[in-house]
Amino acid sequence: MLVAAAAREAAAHLILIKPSDVLSKYHGESEGSLKRAFSLARRPLGQKAKLCPTVLFFDEFDSIACTRTGGEEGMQGRRLLAELLLQLNALKESNREGCRESGNIVVVAATNRIEDIDEAAIRRFETRVYVGVPESCAERVQLIQGFLRPGNVAHMCSQAELLEVAGWT
């Protein structure tokens, strides 16, 4: 939700990449899918002359950039991580050189398992933001009220009922 709102505010295209969009059981397909995602970000569909800003958002990033392991079973993950690092490096280099084609791309990744992400992938991101869970019951009530705001979800919950639901979480 946060990245969609940020992309909307910046009038940017949002390309959402889920692990199921990239991961494949067939040799080399995962790497190819990842490469196509970055290519799409460089030139969004329908864009001929004018290039718009693009946000490339990786959800569940730990599935794509998992820590390298030894042995044969980790080879697919290593190849996918290598392709990801290569694409991120190419994007960074083209941004440094002022390349018009890649200069308007922002890569954002989200995970709830930061410890499973390879350090090399983490280093590629200039900014890291930790969004914690609400600690108090009052903060959880505010969060629930935000989701139930008029126009989002119709409800008839009283403040006491919202407090009860927040207590369960």
Foldseek 3Di string as FASTA:
>chain_A
DVVVVVCVVQVAAEAEDECVQQDDPDPPRNLVSVVVLLVCQLPPPPRDPDDGAYEYEYEQCLSQQFAQDDDDVRVVSVVSNVSVLVSLVVLVVCCVVVPPSNVRYHYHYDHPCVVGGYPSVVVSDPDDDDDDDDDDLVVQLVVVCVCCPPPRNDDDDDSVRSSVVSVVD
